[in-house]
Amino acid sequence: MKNRIDIEKITNTFLEYTLINTTSDPSSQNLPSNDNQYKLAQYVANQFSELAGVTIDVKSNAITTIT
């Protein structure tokens, strides 16, 4: 049996991501410039943590690697 791509699930997940306000703060000297940018990185990492065999690293600057 082939793995099927669930377009509706992918769309809904993407829409969840867009609900998090990650607009940059141009006056901020911090990275990320908006606390929600880090929250989004953590949210994505938590979703991927459900997959077996992946290593996730969320840096303090919100750069996230999943291998």
Protein backbone atom coordinates (compact mmCIF):
# COMPACT_ATOMS: atom_id res chain seq x y z
CA MET A 1 0.00 0.00 0.00
CA LYS A 2 1.35 3.41 -0.92
CA ASN A 3 1.60 6.16 1.63
CA ARG A 4 -1.03 8.74 0.84
CA ILE A 5 -0.54 12.43 1.33
CA ASP A 6 -3.37 13.91 3.36
CA ILE A 7 -3.70 17.32 1.71
CA GLU A 8 -6.38 18.43 4.16
CA LYS A 9 -4.15 17.64 7.15
CA ILE A 10 -1.19 19.44 5.58
CA THR A 11 -3.37 22.46 4.83
CA ASN A 12 -4.80 22.55 8.35
CA THR A 13 -1.34 22.29 9.89
CA PHE A 14 -0.08 25.14 7.73
CA LEU A 15 -3.09 27.24 8.69
CA GLU A 16 -2.35 26.58 12.39
CA TYR A 17 1.15 27.95 11.81
CA THR A 18 -0.21 31.09 10.19
CA LEU A 19 -2.34 31.85 13.25
CA ILE A 20 0.81 32.54 15.26
CA ASN A 21 1.79 36.19 14.84
CA THR A 22 5.47 36.04 13.87
CA THR A 23 5.77 39.51 12.38
CA SER A 24 9.28 40.83 13.01
CA ASP A 25 9.83 43.79 15.29
CA PRO A 26 12.13 46.11 13.33
CA SER A 27 13.02 48.04 16.48
CA SER A 28 14.22 44.94 18.32
CA GLN A 29 17.90 44.09 18.64
CA ASN A 30 17.04 40.50 19.63
CA LEU A 31 16.86 37.38 17.54
CA PRO A 32 14.15 36.35 17.27
CA SER A 33 12.69 39.83 17.38
CA ASN A 34 9.26 38.57 18.44
CA ASP A 35 8.62 36.01 21.22
CA ASN A 36 6.07 34.26 19.03
CA GLN A 37 8.80 33.40 16.51
CA TYR A 38 10.42 31.21 19.18
CA LYS A 39 7.01 29.81 20.18
CA LEU A 40 6.41 28.78 16.56
CA ALA A 41 9.79 27.04 16.45
CA GLN A 42 8.92 25.14 19.63
CA TYR A 43 5.46 24.26 18.30
CA VAL A 44 6.89 22.82 15.08
CA ALA A 45 9.55 20.94 17.04
CA ASN A 46 6.89 19.43 19.30
CA GLN A 47 4.93 18.22 16.29
CA PHE A 48 8.01 16.59 14.76
CA SER A 49 8.98 15.02 18.09
CA GLU A 50 6.14 12.56 17.53
CA LEU A 51 8.12 11.02 14.67
CA ALA A 52 10.40 8.17 15.60
CA GLY A 53 14.09 8.52 14.90
CA VAL A 54 14.31 12.30 14.56
CA THR A 55 16.61 14.61 16.44
CA ILE A 56 15.34 18.12 17.06
CA ASP A 57 17.34 21.13 18.17
CA VAL A 58 15.74 24.52 18.83
CA LYS A 59 18.38 27.18 19.40
CA SER A 60 17.76 30.26 21.56
CA ASN A 61 17.56 32.31 18.34
CA ALA A 62 14.69 30.05 17.13
CA ILE A 63 16.76 28.34 14.45
CA THR A 64 15.44 24.80 14.43
CA THR A 65 17.02 21.73 12.92
CA ILE A 66 15.30 18.40 12.52
CA THR A 67 17.40 15.47 11.37
